[in-house]
Amino acid sequence: MQRKTNQITGAFGEEVVSKFLTGKNAEIIERNWRIREGEIDIIAMYPSGVFAFVEVKTRSSVAFGHPFEAINREKAHRMQRLALGWLATHGCLGCDYQIDVAAVLIAADGSHAIEYRAAVL
């Protein structure tokens, strides 16, 4: 049951961040792109033509730490490899890209807050 709750929470966070990005005139190219090594939550393209590979962490409390604390050096390097994998499989090696991270905190009353950091690598 906890896994299902986590999936719902994660999907909510990804939807909120997708709307945040489209509000900044970014185009959502793909969501939940997966290969054996892992998954990229959101792939977007900014109006400048730069691809953004976005890791979204959603929490309903900070009891176990801020969502950004879940993104360690190993996770960041995996994101880099996944981004290059996506670019290679889509004929875009050499295209401009960046790794972004988003934290979504959901309050008990259902409201939420987004913290977004662009180009973290």
C-alpha atoms as a PDB file:
ATOM      1  CA  MET A   1       0.000   0.000   0.000  1.00  0.00           C
ATOM      2  CA  GLN A   2       2.873   2.391   0.821  1.00  0.00           C
ATOM      3  CA  ARG A   3       4.354   1.837  -2.654  1.00  0.00           C
ATOM      4  CA  LYS A   4       1.055   2.853  -4.285  1.00  0.00           C
ATOM      5  CA  THR A   5       0.901   5.992  -2.108  1.00  0.00           C
ATOM      6  CA  ASN A   6       4.485   6.852  -3.092  1.00  0.00           C
ATOM      7  CA  GLN A   7       3.645   6.369  -6.776  1.00  0.00           C
ATOM      8  CA  ILE A   8       0.633   8.680  -6.469  1.00  0.00           C
ATOM      9  CA  THR A   9       2.708  11.286  -4.622  1.00  0.00           C
ATOM     10  CA  GLY A  10       5.483  11.049  -7.227  1.00  0.00           C
ATOM     11  CA  ALA A  11       3.055  11.333 -10.143  1.00  0.00           C
ATOM     12  CA  PHE A  12       1.474  14.393  -8.513  1.00  0.00           C
ATOM     13  CA  GLY A  13       4.897  16.050  -8.182  1.00  0.00           C
ATOM     14  CA  GLU A  14       5.801  15.315 -11.788  1.00  0.00           C
ATOM     15  CA  GLU A  15       2.487  16.766 -12.981  1.00  0.00           C
ATOM     16  CA  VAL A  16       2.975  19.929 -10.901  1.00  0.00           C
ATOM     17  CA  VAL A  17       6.517  20.404 -12.238  1.00  0.00           C
ATOM     18  CA  SER A  18       5.375  19.766 -15.830  1.00  0.00           C
ATOM     19  CA  LYS A  19       2.802  22.538 -15.444  1.00  0.00           C
ATOM     20  CA  PHE A  20       5.443  24.781 -13.865  1.00  0.00           C
ATOM     21  CA  LEU A  21       7.719  24.241 -16.872  1.00  0.00           C
ATOM     22  CA  THR A  22       4.995  24.794 -19.475  1.00  0.00           C
ATOM     23  CA  GLY A  23       4.180  28.006 -17.609  1.00  0.00           C
ATOM     24  CA  LYS A  24       7.768  29.046 -18.379  1.00  0.00           C
ATOM     25  CA  ASN A  25       7.142  28.262 -22.078  1.00  0.00           C
ATOM     26  CA  ALA A  26       9.103  25.015 -21.977  1.00  0.00           C
ATOM     27  CA  GLU A  27       7.820  22.127 -24.069  1.00  0.00           C
ATOM     28  CA  ILE A  28       7.480  18.769 -22.352  1.00  0.00           C
ATOM     29  CA  ILE A  29       9.149  16.296 -24.712  1.00  0.00           C
ATOM     30  CA  GLU A  30       8.777  13.136 -22.656  1.00  0.00           C
ATOM     31  CA  ARG A  31       7.926  11.894 -19.168  1.00  0.00           C
ATOM     32  CA  ASN A  32       9.217   8.843 -17.339  1.00  0.00           C
ATOM     33  CA  TRP A  33      11.729   7.820 -20.019  1.00  0.00           C
ATOM     34  CA  ARG A  34      13.252   4.581 -18.819  1.00  0.00           C
ATOM     35  CA  ILE A  35      16.174   2.349 -19.701  1.00  0.00           C
ATOM     36  CA  ARG A  36      17.870  -0.373 -17.678  1.00  0.00           C
ATOM     37  CA  GLU A  37      20.069   2.087 -15.789  1.00  0.00           C
ATOM     38  CA  GLY A  38      17.210   4.265 -14.582  1.00  0.00           C
ATOM     39  CA  GLU A  39      14.520   6.768 -15.406  1.00  0.00           C
ATOM     40  CA  ILE A  40      14.317  10.437 -16.254  1.00  0.00           C
ATOM     41  CA  ASP A  41      11.186  12.004 -14.776  1.00  0.00           C
ATOM     42  CA  ILE A  42      10.762  14.866 -17.247  1.00  0.00           C
ATOM     43  CA  ILE A  43      12.512  15.835 -20.466  1.00  0.00           C
ATOM     44  CA  ALA A  44      11.701  19.351 -21.586  1.00  0.00           C
ATOM     45  CA  MET A  45      12.972  21.867 -24.082  1.00  0.00           C
ATOM     46  CA  TYR A  46      13.316  25.491 -23.115  1.00  0.00           C
ATOM     47  CA  PRO A  47      12.472  28.223 -25.647  1.00  0.00           C
ATOM     48  CA  SER A  48      16.250  28.748 -26.008  1.00  0.00           C
ATOM     49  CA  GLY A  49      16.540  25.248 -27.514  1.00  0.00           C
ATOM     50  CA  VAL A  50      18.248  23.735 -24.459  1.00  0.00           C
ATOM     51  CA  PHE A  51      17.041  20.318 -23.355  1.00  0.00           C
ATOM     52  CA  ALA A  52      16.322  19.988 -19.628  1.00  0.00           C
ATOM     53  CA  PHE A  53      16.476  16.602 -17.939  1.00  0.00           C
ATOM     54  CA  VAL A  54      14.527  17.023 -14.720  1.00  0.00           C
ATOM     55  CA  GLU A  55      14.651  14.896 -11.582  1.00  0.00           C
ATOM     56  CA  VAL A  56      11.569  15.463  -9.433  1.00  0.00           C
ATOM     57  CA  LYS A  57      11.491  14.611  -5.732  1.00  0.00           C
ATOM     58  CA  THR A  58       8.135  14.922  -3.985  1.00  0.00           C
ATOM     59  CA  ARG A  59       7.536  14.662  -0.259  1.00  0.00           C
ATOM     60  CA  SER A  60       4.570  15.192   2.027  1.00  0.00           C
ATOM     61  CA  SER A  61       6.871  16.016   4.931  1.00  0.00           C
ATOM     62  CA  VAL A  62      10.499  16.858   5.620  1.00  0.00           C
ATOM     63  CA  ALA A  63      10.618  14.321   8.474  1.00  0.00           C
ATOM     64  CA  PHE A  64      13.152  12.319   6.480  1.00  0.00           C
ATOM     65  CA  GLY A  65      14.936  15.365   5.066  1.00  0.00           C
ATOM     66  CA  HIS A  66      14.409  17.889   2.300  1.00  0.00           C
ATOM     67  CA  PRO A  67      13.673  16.309  -1.096  1.00  0.00           C
ATOM     68  CA  PHE A  68      16.930  17.649  -2.543  1.00  0.00           C
ATOM     69  CA  GLU A  69      18.857  15.606   0.029  1.00  0.00           C
ATOM     70  CA  ALA A  70      17.787  12.486  -1.891  1.00  0.00           C
ATOM     71  CA  ILE A  71      19.898  13.614  -4.860  1.00  0.00           C
ATOM     72  CA  ASN A  72      23.440  12.638  -3.997  1.00  0.00           C
ATOM     73  CA  ARG A  73      26.573  12.608  -6.169  1.00  0.00           C
ATOM     74  CA  GLU A  74      25.800   9.081  -7.438  1.00  0.00           C
ATOM     75  CA  LYS A  75      22.256  10.066  -8.440  1.00  0.00           C
ATOM     76  CA  ALA A  76      23.555  13.199 -10.189  1.00  0.00           C
ATOM     77  CA  HIS A  77      26.079  11.162 -12.195  1.00  0.00           C
ATOM     78  CA  ARG A  78      23.371   8.650 -13.123  1.00  0.00           C
ATOM     79  CA  MET A  79      21.227  11.555 -14.364  1.00  0.00           C
ATOM     80  CA  GLN A  80      24.148  12.726 -16.496  1.00  0.00           C
ATOM     81  CA  ARG A  81      24.548   9.256 -18.051  1.00  0.00           C
ATOM     82  CA  LEU A  82      20.801   8.932 -18.614  1.00  0.00           C
ATOM     83  CA  ALA A  83      20.669  12.351 -20.282  1.00  0.00           C
ATOM     84  CA  LEU A  84      23.500  11.384 -22.630  1.00  0.00           C
ATOM     85  CA  GLY A  85      21.717   8.096 -23.327  1.00  0.00           C
ATOM     86  CA  TRP A  86      18.530   9.927 -24.264  1.00  0.00           C
ATOM     87  CA  LEU A  87      20.422  12.378 -26.468  1.00  0.00           C
ATOM     88  CA  ALA A  88      22.254   9.519 -28.213  1.00  0.00           C
ATOM     89  CA  THR A  89      19.104   7.475 -28.861  1.00  0.00           C
ATOM     90  CA  HIS A  90      17.313  10.533 -30.224  1.00  0.00           C
ATOM     91  CA  GLY A  91      20.118  11.690 -32.539  1.00  0.00           C
ATOM     92  CA  CYS A  92      20.859  14.729 -30.423  1.00  0.00           C
ATOM     93  CA  LEU A  93      24.414  14.188 -29.217  1.00  0.00           C
ATOM     94  CA  GLY A  94      26.033  17.602 -29.251  1.00  0.00           C
ATOM     95  CA  CYS A  95      22.767  19.397 -28.470  1.00  0.00           C
ATOM     96  CA  ASP A  96      22.747  21.806 -25.549  1.00  0.00           C
ATOM     97  CA  TYR A  97      21.315  20.291 -22.385  1.00  0.00           C
ATOM     98  CA  GLN A  98      21.241  20.696 -18.640  1.00  0.00           C
ATOM     99  CA  ILE A  99      20.258  18.697 -15.581  1.00  0.00           C
ATOM    100  CA  ASP A 100      17.574  20.337 -13.423  1.00  0.00           C
ATOM    101  CA  VAL A 101      16.095  19.220 -10.119  1.00  0.00           C
ATOM    102  CA  ALA A 102      12.729  20.037  -8.599  1.00  0.00           C
ATOM    103  CA  ALA A 103      11.468  19.543  -5.058  1.00  0.00           C
ATOM    104  CA  VAL A 104       7.735  19.467  -4.412  1.00  0.00           C
ATOM    105  CA  LEU A 105       6.527  19.672  -0.837  1.00  0.00           C
ATOM    106  CA  ILE A 106       2.877  18.824  -0.217  1.00  0.00           C
ATOM    107  CA  ALA A 107       1.321  20.334   2.906  1.00  0.00           C
ATOM    108  CA  ALA A 108      -1.278  18.559   5.059  1.00  0.00           C
ATOM    109  CA  ASP A 109      -3.997  20.812   3.608  1.00  0.00           C
ATOM    110  CA  GLY A 110      -3.126  19.674   0.070  1.00  0.00           C
ATOM    111  CA  SER A 111      -1.357  22.858  -0.964  1.00  0.00           C
ATOM    112  CA  HIS A 112       2.129  22.491  -2.391  1.00  0.00           C
ATOM    113  CA  ALA A 113       5.322  24.390  -2.996  1.00  0.00           C
ATOM    114  CA  ILE A 114       7.929  23.922  -5.739  1.00  0.00           C
ATOM    115  CA  GLU A 115      11.616  24.607  -5.412  1.00  0.00           C
ATOM    116  CA  TYR A 116      13.362  24.434  -8.788  1.00  0.00           C
ATOM    117  CA  ARG A 117      17.083  24.467  -9.485  1.00  0.00           C
ATOM    118  CA  ALA A 118      18.242  24.686 -13.061  1.00  0.00           C
ATOM    119  CA  ALA A 119      21.576  23.473 -14.448  1.00  0.00           C
ATOM    120  CA  VAL A 120      22.796  21.769 -11.285  1.00  0.00           C
ATOM    121  CA  LEU A 121      25.603  19.901 -13.090  1.00  0.00           C
END
